[in-house]
C-alpha cells in the first residue's frame, strides 16, 4: 500500500473500528502502513509487532491507546515477517 492509499483508507478503518466499538465489539486496529494511521491519530510509534516477534518488547509495550480505548498495533514489518 502506498502512502497515498494509507492516507485515503486510514480514516475509513478508524471509523469502522469506532462504530464496531460502539456496538460493543472488541476491536484491534492493525497499522500496516509504517505508522500512517498512528500519525493521523496524533500518536508516536516507538515499537511495532516485529519487536514482539524478536522478543525485544512485550505486546503491551507495543500497543498504542487509540480513540475510545481502541488499541492500535503498529505491525508493518511484523506482518511481513509472519507471511
N, C-alpha and C. Protein backbone atom coordinates (compact mmCIF):
# COMPACT_ATOMS: atom_id res chain seq x y z
N UNK A 1 0.85 -1.16 0.00
CA UNK A 1 0.00 0.00 0.00
C UNK A 1 0.90 1.23 0.00
N UNK A 2 0.61 2.17 -0.87
CA UNK A 2 1.40 3.39 -0.94
C UNK A 2 0.98 4.35 0.16
N UNK A 3 1.77 5.38 0.37
CA UNK A 3 1.43 6.39 1.36
C UNK A 3 0.10 7.05 1.06
N UNK A 4 -0.16 7.31 -0.23
CA UNK A 4 -1.42 7.94 -0.61
C UNK A 4 -2.60 7.03 -0.29
N UNK A 5 -2.46 5.73 -0.53
CA UNK A 5 -3.53 4.78 -0.20
C UNK A 5 -3.76 4.75 1.30
N UNK A 6 -2.67 4.75 2.06
CA UNK A 6 -2.79 4.72 3.52
C UNK A 6 -3.54 5.95 4.01
N UNK A 7 -3.23 7.11 3.46
CA UNK A 7 -3.92 8.33 3.87
C UNK A 7 -5.40 8.28 3.51
N UNK A 8 -5.73 7.60 2.43
CA UNK A 8 -7.12 7.53 1.98
C UNK A 8 -7.92 6.52 2.79
N UNK A 9 -7.31 5.38 3.14
CA UNK A 9 -8.06 4.32 3.80
C UNK A 9 -8.01 4.37 5.33
N UNK A 10 -7.04 5.06 5.89
CA UNK A 10 -6.93 5.12 7.35
C UNK A 10 -8.18 5.69 8.01
N UNK A 11 -8.76 6.77 7.50
CA UNK A 11 -9.99 7.28 8.14
C UNK A 11 -11.14 6.28 8.09
N UNK A 12 -11.23 5.53 7.01
CA UNK A 12 -12.28 4.51 6.89
C UNK A 12 -12.07 3.41 7.93
N UNK A 13 -10.83 2.95 8.05
CA UNK A 13 -10.52 1.91 9.05
C UNK A 13 -10.85 2.40 10.45
N UNK A 14 -10.51 3.64 10.73
CA UNK A 14 -10.79 4.20 12.05
C UNK A 14 -12.29 4.30 12.30
N UNK A 15 -13.04 4.78 11.33
CA UNK A 15 -14.50 4.90 11.51
C UNK A 15 -15.15 3.53 11.70
N UNK A 16 -14.70 2.53 10.96
CA UNK A 16 -15.24 1.18 11.15
C UNK A 16 -14.91 0.64 12.54
N UNK A 17 -13.70 0.91 13.00
CA UNK A 17 -13.31 0.47 14.34
C UNK A 17 -14.14 1.15 15.41
N UNK A 18 -14.34 2.45 15.27
CA UNK A 18 -15.13 3.19 16.26
C UNK A 18 -16.58 2.71 16.27
N UNK A 19 -17.15 2.50 15.09
CA UNK A 19 -18.53 2.01 15.02
C UNK A 19 -18.65 0.63 15.64
N UNK A 20 -17.70 -0.23 15.38
CA UNK A 20 -17.71 -1.58 15.96
C UNK A 20 -17.59 -1.52 17.47
N UNK A 21 -16.73 -0.63 17.96
CA UNK A 21 -16.58 -0.45 19.40
C UNK A 21 -17.87 0.03 20.05
N UNK A 22 -18.56 0.94 19.39
CA UNK A 22 -19.85 1.43 19.93
C UNK A 22 -20.88 0.32 20.01
N UNK A 23 -20.75 -0.67 19.13
CA UNK A 23 -21.68 -1.81 19.14
C UNK A 23 -21.29 -2.86 20.18
N UNK A 24 -20.23 -2.58 20.92
CA UNK A 24 -19.81 -3.49 21.97
C UNK A 24 -18.82 -4.56 21.53
N UNK A 25 -18.36 -4.48 20.30
CA UNK A 25 -17.39 -5.45 19.81
C UNK A 25 -15.98 -5.07 20.26
N UNK A 26 -15.15 -6.05 20.46
CA UNK A 26 -13.75 -5.80 20.79
C UNK A 26 -12.99 -5.57 19.49
N UNK A 27 -12.22 -4.51 19.44
CA UNK A 27 -11.58 -4.08 18.21
C UNK A 27 -10.09 -3.90 18.44
N UNK A 28 -9.31 -4.28 17.43
CA UNK A 28 -7.88 -4.00 17.40
C UNK A 28 -7.56 -3.43 16.03
N UNK A 29 -7.06 -2.22 15.98
CA UNK A 29 -6.61 -1.63 14.72
C UNK A 29 -5.17 -2.09 14.47
N UNK A 30 -4.92 -2.66 13.32
CA UNK A 30 -3.58 -3.11 12.95
C UNK A 30 -3.08 -2.17 11.86
N UNK A 31 -2.03 -1.44 12.16
CA UNK A 31 -1.48 -0.45 11.23
C UNK A 31 -0.37 -1.10 10.41
N UNK A 32 -0.65 -1.36 9.14
CA UNK A 32 0.32 -1.97 8.24
C UNK A 32 1.05 -0.92 7.41
N UNK A 33 0.91 0.34 7.75
CA UNK A 33 1.38 1.43 6.91
C UNK A 33 2.62 2.14 7.45
N UNK A 34 3.39 1.46 8.25
CA UNK A 34 4.58 2.08 8.86
C UNK A 34 4.23 3.35 9.64
N UNK A 35 3.09 3.30 10.32
CA UNK A 35 2.74 4.37 11.25
C UNK A 35 1.84 5.46 10.72
N UNK A 36 1.35 5.35 9.48
CA UNK A 36 0.49 6.40 8.93
C UNK A 36 -0.79 6.58 9.75
N UNK A 37 -1.40 5.48 10.13
CA UNK A 37 -2.63 5.57 10.93
C UNK A 37 -2.33 6.18 12.29
N UNK A 38 -1.26 5.75 12.90
CA UNK A 38 -0.88 6.31 14.21
C UNK A 38 -0.64 7.82 14.10
N UNK A 39 0.04 8.25 13.06
CA UNK A 39 0.29 9.68 12.88
C UNK A 39 -1.02 10.44 12.71
N UNK A 40 -1.96 9.87 11.97
CA UNK A 40 -3.25 10.54 11.80
C UNK A 40 -4.00 10.68 13.12
N UNK A 41 -3.72 9.78 14.04
CA UNK A 41 -4.35 9.84 15.36
C UNK A 41 -3.55 10.69 16.34
N UNK A 42 -2.42 11.23 15.86
CA UNK A 42 -1.58 12.05 16.72
C UNK A 42 -0.71 11.25 17.66
N UNK A 43 -0.49 9.98 17.35
CA UNK A 43 0.31 9.10 18.20
C UNK A 43 1.71 8.94 17.61
N UNK A 44 2.65 8.67 18.46
CA UNK A 44 4.01 8.39 18.04
C UNK A 44 4.29 6.91 18.18
N UNK A 45 4.80 6.31 17.12
CA UNK A 45 5.14 4.89 17.14
C UNK A 45 6.58 4.73 17.60
N UNK A 46 6.77 4.01 18.69
CA UNK A 46 8.13 3.73 19.16
C UNK A 46 8.55 2.31 18.82
N UNK A 47 7.60 1.40 18.89
CA UNK A 47 7.87 -0.01 18.64
C UNK A 47 6.78 -0.56 17.74
N UNK A 48 7.01 -1.74 17.21
CA UNK A 48 5.99 -2.38 16.38
C UNK A 48 6.04 -3.88 16.57
N UNK A 49 5.15 -4.59 15.90
CA UNK A 49 4.99 -6.03 16.09
C UNK A 49 6.31 -6.79 15.95
N UNK A 50 7.17 -6.37 15.07
CA UNK A 50 8.45 -7.06 14.87
C UNK A 50 9.27 -7.10 16.16
N UNK A 51 9.16 -6.06 17.00
CA UNK A 51 9.86 -6.07 18.29
C UNK A 51 9.33 -7.17 19.21
N UNK A 52 8.04 -7.47 19.10
CA UNK A 52 7.44 -8.55 19.90
C UNK A 52 7.91 -9.90 19.36
N UNK A 53 7.88 -10.04 18.03
CA UNK A 53 8.31 -11.30 17.41
C UNK A 53 9.76 -11.61 17.77
N UNK A 54 10.60 -10.58 17.78
CA UNK A 54 12.02 -10.76 18.10
C UNK A 54 12.28 -10.81 19.61
N UNK A 55 11.23 -10.78 20.41
CA UNK A 55 11.32 -10.83 21.88
C UNK A 55 12.06 -9.65 22.48
N UNK A 56 12.00 -8.50 21.80
CA UNK A 56 12.63 -7.29 22.34
C UNK A 56 11.65 -6.46 23.17
N UNK A 57 10.36 -6.64 22.91
CA UNK A 57 9.31 -5.93 23.64
C UNK A 57 8.13 -6.86 23.86
N UNK A 58 7.34 -6.54 24.90
CA UNK A 58 6.09 -7.25 25.14
C UNK A 58 4.98 -6.58 24.34
N UNK A 59 3.94 -7.31 24.04
CA UNK A 59 2.83 -6.76 23.26
C UNK A 59 2.25 -5.52 23.92
N UNK A 60 2.11 -5.54 25.24
CA UNK A 60 1.53 -4.37 25.92
C UNK A 60 2.42 -3.13 25.80
N UNK A 61 3.71 -3.31 25.51
CA UNK A 61 4.61 -2.17 25.30
C UNK A 61 4.48 -1.60 23.88
N UNK A 62 3.98 -2.40 22.97
CA UNK A 62 3.87 -2.02 21.56
C UNK A 62 2.51 -1.39 21.26
N UNK A 63 1.47 -1.88 21.90
CA UNK A 63 0.12 -1.35 21.65
C UNK A 63 0.04 0.12 22.03
N UNK A 64 -0.68 0.87 21.21
CA UNK A 64 -0.89 2.30 21.43
C UNK A 64 -2.36 2.51 21.73
N UNK A 65 -2.65 3.32 22.73
CA UNK A 65 -4.04 3.62 23.05
C UNK A 65 -4.61 4.55 21.99
N UNK A 66 -5.62 4.07 21.29
CA UNK A 66 -6.28 4.87 20.26
C UNK A 66 -7.52 5.53 20.83
N UNK A 67 -8.31 6.14 19.97
CA UNK A 67 -9.54 6.79 20.42
C UNK A 67 -10.52 5.79 21.00
N UNK A 68 -11.27 6.24 21.99
CA UNK A 68 -12.27 5.39 22.66
C UNK A 68 -11.67 4.08 23.14
N UNK A 69 -10.43 4.13 23.57
CA UNK A 69 -9.72 2.96 24.12
C UNK A 69 -9.57 1.80 23.13
N UNK A 70 -9.58 2.10 21.85
CA UNK A 70 -9.34 1.07 20.84
C UNK A 70 -7.84 0.96 20.65
N UNK A 71 -7.26 -0.22 20.90
CA UNK A 71 -5.81 -0.35 20.76
C UNK A 71 -5.37 -0.36 19.30
N UNK A 72 -4.20 0.22 19.07
CA UNK A 72 -3.60 0.28 17.75
C UNK A 72 -2.29 -0.49 17.80
N UNK A 73 -2.12 -1.42 16.87
CA UNK A 73 -0.90 -2.23 16.80
C UNK A 73 -0.12 -1.87 15.54
N UNK A 74 0.98 -1.13 15.67
CA UNK A 74 1.85 -0.90 14.52
C UNK A 74 2.47 -2.24 14.12
N UNK A 75 2.32 -2.64 12.85
CA UNK A 75 2.71 -4.00 12.51
C UNK A 75 3.25 -4.19 11.10
N UNK A 76 3.72 -3.14 10.45
CA UNK A 76 4.13 -3.26 9.05
C UNK A 76 5.20 -4.33 8.83
N UNK A 77 6.28 -4.26 9.57
CA UNK A 77 7.36 -5.25 9.39
C UNK A 77 6.99 -6.59 9.97
N UNK A 78 6.31 -6.59 11.09
CA UNK A 78 5.97 -7.84 11.77
C UNK A 78 5.06 -8.73 10.95
N UNK A 79 4.07 -8.15 10.30
CA UNK A 79 3.15 -8.94 9.49
C UNK A 79 3.88 -9.52 8.29
N UNK A 80 4.76 -8.73 7.67
CA UNK A 80 5.53 -9.26 6.54
C UNK A 80 6.42 -10.40 6.97
N UNK A 81 6.97 -10.34 8.18
CA UNK A 81 7.83 -11.41 8.67
C UNK A 81 7.03 -12.69 8.92
N UNK A 82 5.77 -12.56 9.29
CA UNK A 82 4.93 -13.72 9.55
C UNK A 82 4.37 -14.35 8.28
N UNK A 83 4.32 -13.57 7.21
CA UNK A 83 3.70 -14.04 5.96
C UNK A 83 4.55 -15.10 5.28
